[in-house]
Amino acid sequence: MPRLNTALALNLVLMLLGATPAIAVAADPQVSTEVLVERGDNPTFELQQAPAVVYSTPPATPPDTWLQVPMEVLLVAQLDELGHVSNVMVARSSGLREIDRAAFTAVDQWRFEPVVVEGVARHARVRVRLTFVPTAEAPPG
């Protein structure tokens, strides 16, 4: 514990002197989302357009995750007849487990407009592409 206190004290002195501290806090990456359907996602019927997202939560990336390049995760979400997400799978990983887990956890809580085909609410499958873009801040080091 004395080592941590020494590091914090050193950073405080550096900040007071106007120098850049050695410890930096990671900024959350910007996340863009796209919901889409592909031919064959729903074999018993064809969706022309993905249902709208009614409720969404942003992915909570771990604070120590630094991105140097944009990373994309493609998820497949199964929707029930009310538009609730009942199952999520990673179709294409970003390559970082933390990013995939953040995307998975967020989309699992989303809600969509129900998919109605010929007057009947249906289970449906949609794809959700989340792109994590690094912020302008540089990682410590």
C-alpha atoms as a PDB file:
ATOM      1  CA  MET A   1       0.000   0.000   0.000  1.00  0.00           C
ATOM      2  CA  PRO A   2       2.823   2.517   0.648  1.00  0.00           C
ATOM      3  CA  ARG A   3       3.801   2.156  -3.004  1.00  0.00           C
ATOM      4  CA  LEU A   4       0.367   3.291  -4.167  1.00  0.00           C
ATOM      5  CA  ASN A   5       0.399   6.267  -1.818  1.00  0.00           C
ATOM      6  CA  THR A   6       3.839   7.254  -3.110  1.00  0.00           C
ATOM      7  CA  ALA A   7       2.589   7.100  -6.706  1.00  0.00           C
ATOM      8  CA  LEU A   8      -0.459   9.195  -5.896  1.00  0.00           C
ATOM      9  CA  ALA A   9       1.656  11.748  -4.005  1.00  0.00           C
ATOM     10  CA  LEU A  10       4.110  11.954  -6.908  1.00  0.00           C
ATOM     11  CA  ASN A  11       1.266  12.518  -9.372  1.00  0.00           C
ATOM     12  CA  LEU A  12      -0.220  15.216  -7.155  1.00  0.00           C
ATOM     13  CA  VAL A  13       3.126  17.035  -7.035  1.00  0.00           C
ATOM     14  CA  LEU A  14       3.506  16.709 -10.822  1.00  0.00           C
ATOM     15  CA  MET A  15      -0.009  18.118 -11.341  1.00  0.00           C
ATOM     16  CA  LEU A  16       0.729  21.051  -9.045  1.00  0.00           C
ATOM     17  CA  LEU A  17       3.878  21.751 -11.045  1.00  0.00           C
ATOM     18  CA  GLY A  18       1.902  21.638 -14.298  1.00  0.00           C
ATOM     19  CA  ALA A  19       3.379  18.352 -15.528  1.00  0.00           C
ATOM     20  CA  THR A  20       1.304  15.519 -16.963  1.00  0.00           C
ATOM     21  CA  PRO A  21       0.615  12.850 -14.356  1.00  0.00           C
ATOM     22  CA  ALA A  22       1.795   9.306 -15.013  1.00  0.00           C
ATOM     23  CA  ILE A  23      -1.611   7.815 -14.209  1.00  0.00           C
ATOM     24  CA  ALA A  24      -4.343   8.488 -16.736  1.00  0.00           C
ATOM     25  CA  VAL A  25      -7.995   7.544 -16.746  1.00  0.00           C
ATOM     26  CA  ALA A  26      -9.317   5.732 -19.798  1.00  0.00           C
ATOM     27  CA  ALA A  27     -12.091   7.521 -21.665  1.00  0.00           C
ATOM     28  CA  ASP A  28     -15.049   5.529 -22.930  1.00  0.00           C
ATOM     29  CA  PRO A  29     -14.926   4.856 -26.660  1.00  0.00           C
ATOM     30  CA  GLN A  30     -17.713   6.171 -28.858  1.00  0.00           C
ATOM     31  CA  VAL A  31     -20.081   3.417 -29.973  1.00  0.00           C
ATOM     32  CA  SER A  32     -22.223   3.389 -33.097  1.00  0.00           C
ATOM     33  CA  THR A  33     -24.891   0.751 -33.664  1.00  0.00           C
ATOM     34  CA  GLU A  34     -26.655  -0.676 -36.674  1.00  0.00           C
ATOM     35  CA  VAL A  35     -29.541  -3.163 -36.609  1.00  0.00           C
ATOM     36  CA  LEU A  36     -30.041  -5.218 -39.742  1.00  0.00           C
ATOM     37  CA  VAL A  37     -31.525  -8.422 -41.077  1.00  0.00           C
ATOM     38  CA  GLU A  38     -30.000 -10.666 -43.697  1.00  0.00           C
ATOM     39  CA  ARG A  39     -31.708 -13.018 -46.064  1.00  0.00           C
ATOM     40  CA  GLY A  40     -32.171 -16.351 -44.317  1.00  0.00           C
ATOM     41  CA  ASP A  41     -32.070 -14.975 -40.765  1.00  0.00           C
ATOM     42  CA  ASN A  42     -35.762 -15.832 -40.436  1.00  0.00           C
ATOM     43  CA  PRO A  43     -36.385 -18.938 -42.556  1.00  0.00           C
ATOM     44  CA  THR A  44     -40.192 -19.038 -42.189  1.00  0.00           C
ATOM     45  CA  PHE A  45     -40.725 -15.422 -43.271  1.00  0.00           C
ATOM     46  CA  GLU A  46     -38.727 -12.572 -44.759  1.00  0.00           C
ATOM     47  CA  LEU A  47     -38.220  -9.237 -43.045  1.00  0.00           C
ATOM     48  CA  GLN A  48     -37.720  -6.324 -45.400  1.00  0.00           C
ATOM     49  CA  GLN A  49     -36.468  -4.082 -42.619  1.00  0.00           C
ATOM     50  CA  ALA A  50     -35.157  -4.577 -39.095  1.00  0.00           C
ATOM     51  CA  PRO A  51     -37.487  -3.638 -36.242  1.00  0.00           C
ATOM     52  CA  ALA A  52     -36.773  -0.369 -34.470  1.00  0.00           C
ATOM     53  CA  VAL A  53     -35.010  -0.348 -31.123  1.00  0.00           C
ATOM     54  CA  VAL A  54     -37.447   0.811 -28.430  1.00  0.00           C
ATOM     55  CA  TYR A  55     -35.038   0.661 -25.493  1.00  0.00           C
ATOM     56  CA  SER A  56     -31.263   0.375 -25.453  1.00  0.00           C
ATOM     57  CA  THR A  57     -28.434   0.681 -22.977  1.00  0.00           C
ATOM     58  CA  PRO A  58     -24.948   1.715 -24.096  1.00  0.00           C
ATOM     59  CA  PRO A  59     -22.171  -0.849 -23.743  1.00  0.00           C
ATOM     60  CA  ALA A  60     -20.177  -0.382 -20.546  1.00  0.00           C
ATOM     61  CA  THR A  61     -16.576  -0.918 -21.538  1.00  0.00           C
ATOM     62  CA  PRO A  62     -14.103  -1.679 -18.755  1.00  0.00           C
ATOM     63  CA  PRO A  63     -12.209   1.470 -17.684  1.00  0.00           C
ATOM     64  CA  ASP A  64      -8.821  -0.032 -18.519  1.00  0.00           C
ATOM     65  CA  THR A  65      -9.744  -0.866 -22.131  1.00  0.00           C
ATOM     66  CA  TRP A  66      -7.763   1.344 -24.527  1.00  0.00           C
ATOM     67  CA  LEU A  67      -8.605   1.154 -28.203  1.00  0.00           C
ATOM     68  CA  GLN A  68      -6.078   2.167 -30.819  1.00  0.00           C
ATOM     69  CA  VAL A  69      -8.255   1.330 -33.836  1.00  0.00           C
ATOM     70  CA  PRO A  70     -12.011   1.000 -34.325  1.00  0.00           C
ATOM     71  CA  MET A  71     -13.335  -2.434 -33.345  1.00  0.00           C
ATOM     72  CA  GLU A  72     -16.539  -4.032 -34.544  1.00  0.00           C
ATOM     73  CA  VAL A  73     -18.692  -6.738 -32.966  1.00  0.00           C
ATOM     74  CA  LEU A  74     -21.512  -8.445 -34.864  1.00  0.00           C
ATOM     75  CA  LEU A  75     -24.178 -10.024 -32.678  1.00  0.00           C
ATOM     76  CA  VAL A  76     -27.226 -12.101 -33.565  1.00  0.00           C
ATOM     77  CA  ALA A  77     -30.187 -11.431 -31.281  1.00  0.00           C
ATOM     78  CA  GLN A  78     -33.276 -13.609 -31.066  1.00  0.00           C
ATOM     79  CA  LEU A  79     -36.428 -11.604 -30.306  1.00  0.00           C
ATOM     80  CA  ASP A  80     -39.621 -12.939 -28.772  1.00  0.00           C
ATOM     81  CA  GLU A  81     -43.067 -11.900 -30.004  1.00  0.00           C
ATOM     82  CA  LEU A  82     -43.056  -8.864 -27.663  1.00  0.00           C
ATOM     83  CA  GLY A  83     -39.707  -7.572 -28.954  1.00  0.00           C
ATOM     84  CA  HIS A  84     -37.662  -8.633 -25.917  1.00  0.00           C
ATOM     85  CA  VAL A  85     -34.224 -10.098 -26.580  1.00  0.00           C
ATOM     86  CA  SER A  86     -34.351 -13.752 -25.582  1.00  0.00           C
ATOM     87  CA  ASN A  87     -30.941 -14.917 -26.797  1.00  0.00           C
ATOM     88  CA  VAL A  88     -27.750 -13.226 -28.016  1.00  0.00           C
ATOM     89  CA  MET A  89     -24.798 -14.793 -29.820  1.00  0.00           C
ATOM     90  CA  VAL A  90     -21.526 -13.302 -31.034  1.00  0.00           C
ATOM     91  CA  ALA A  91     -21.441 -13.869 -34.787  1.00  0.00           C
ATOM     92  CA  ARG A  92     -18.151 -12.020 -35.375  1.00  0.00           C
ATOM     93  CA  SER A  93     -15.854 -11.100 -32.524  1.00  0.00           C
ATOM     94  CA  SER A  94     -13.940  -7.852 -32.215  1.00  0.00           C
ATOM     95  CA  GLY A  95     -10.925  -9.818 -31.072  1.00  0.00           C
ATOM     96  CA  LEU A  96     -11.105  -8.343 -27.561  1.00  0.00           C
ATOM     97  CA  ARG A  97     -13.103 -10.322 -25.027  1.00  0.00           C
ATOM     98  CA  GLU A  98     -13.892  -7.174 -22.995  1.00  0.00           C
ATOM     99  CA  ILE A  99     -15.418  -5.411 -25.996  1.00  0.00           C
ATOM    100  CA  ASP A 100     -17.422  -8.485 -27.012  1.00  0.00           C
ATOM    101  CA  ARG A 101     -18.705  -8.916 -23.451  1.00  0.00           C
ATOM    102  CA  ALA A 102     -19.714  -5.237 -23.192  1.00  0.00           C
ATOM    103  CA  ALA A 103     -21.637  -5.444 -26.479  1.00  0.00           C
ATOM    104  CA  PHE A 104     -23.272  -8.762 -25.531  1.00  0.00           C
ATOM    105  CA  THR A 105     -24.363  -7.498 -22.093  1.00  0.00           C
ATOM    106  CA  ALA A 106     -25.813  -4.278 -23.524  1.00  0.00           C
ATOM    107  CA  VAL A 107     -27.785  -5.855 -26.395  1.00  0.00           C
ATOM    108  CA  ASP A 108     -29.128  -8.555 -24.073  1.00  0.00           C
ATOM    109  CA  GLN A 109     -31.025  -5.747 -22.254  1.00  0.00           C
ATOM    110  CA  TRP A 110     -32.416  -4.047 -25.362  1.00  0.00           C
ATOM    111  CA  ARG A 111     -36.020  -4.108 -26.502  1.00  0.00           C
ATOM    112  CA  PHE A 112     -37.317  -3.875 -30.063  1.00  0.00           C
ATOM    113  CA  GLU A 113     -40.664  -3.206 -31.678  1.00  0.00           C
ATOM    114  CA  PRO A 114     -42.484  -6.513 -32.062  1.00  0.00           C
ATOM    115  CA  VAL A 115     -42.144  -8.156 -35.473  1.00  0.00           C
ATOM    116  CA  VAL A 116     -45.615  -8.557 -36.943  1.00  0.00           C
ATOM    117  CA  VAL A 117     -46.109 -10.620 -40.102  1.00  0.00           C
ATOM    118  CA  GLU A 118     -49.613 -10.789 -41.602  1.00  0.00           C
ATOM    119  CA  GLY A 119     -51.104  -9.545 -38.344  1.00  0.00           C
ATOM    120  CA  VAL A 120     -49.313 -12.081 -36.137  1.00  0.00           C
ATOM    121  CA  ALA A 121     -46.483 -11.209 -33.730  1.00  0.00           C
ATOM    122  CA  ARG A 122     -43.510 -13.470 -34.454  1.00  0.00           C
ATOM    123  CA  HIS A 123     -40.193 -14.504 -33.006  1.00  0.00           C
ATOM    124  CA  ALA A 124     -37.460 -13.017 -35.178  1.00  0.00           C
ATOM    125  CA  ARG A 125     -33.715 -12.873 -35.519  1.00  0.00           C
ATOM    126  CA  VAL A 126     -31.826  -9.626 -36.100  1.00  0.00           C
ATOM    127  CA  ARG A 127     -28.173  -8.703 -36.358  1.00  0.00           C
ATOM    128  CA  VAL A 128     -26.663  -5.870 -34.341  1.00  0.00           C
ATOM    129  CA  ARG A 129     -23.347  -4.348 -35.393  1.00  0.00           C
ATOM    130  CA  LEU A 130     -21.608  -2.269 -32.726  1.00  0.00           C
ATOM    131  CA  THR A 131     -18.540  -0.281 -33.705  1.00  0.00           C
ATOM    132  CA  PHE A 132     -16.316   0.971 -30.896  1.00  0.00           C
ATOM    133  CA  VAL A 133     -14.252   3.993 -31.957  1.00  0.00           C
ATOM    134  CA  PRO A 134     -11.321   5.129 -29.803  1.00  0.00           C
ATOM    135  CA  THR A 135     -11.418   8.584 -28.315  1.00  0.00           C
ATOM    136  CA  ALA A 136      -8.811  11.204 -29.184  1.00  0.00           C
ATOM    137  CA  GLU A 137      -7.005  10.731 -25.859  1.00  0.00           C
ATOM    138  CA  ALA A 138      -3.814   8.695 -25.955  1.00  0.00           C
ATOM    139  CA  PRO A 139      -3.211   5.825 -23.530  1.00  0.00           C
ATOM    140  CA  PRO A 140      -0.705   6.294 -20.710  1.00  0.00           C
ATOM    141  CA  GLY A 141       2.826   5.306 -21.319  1.00  0.00           C
END
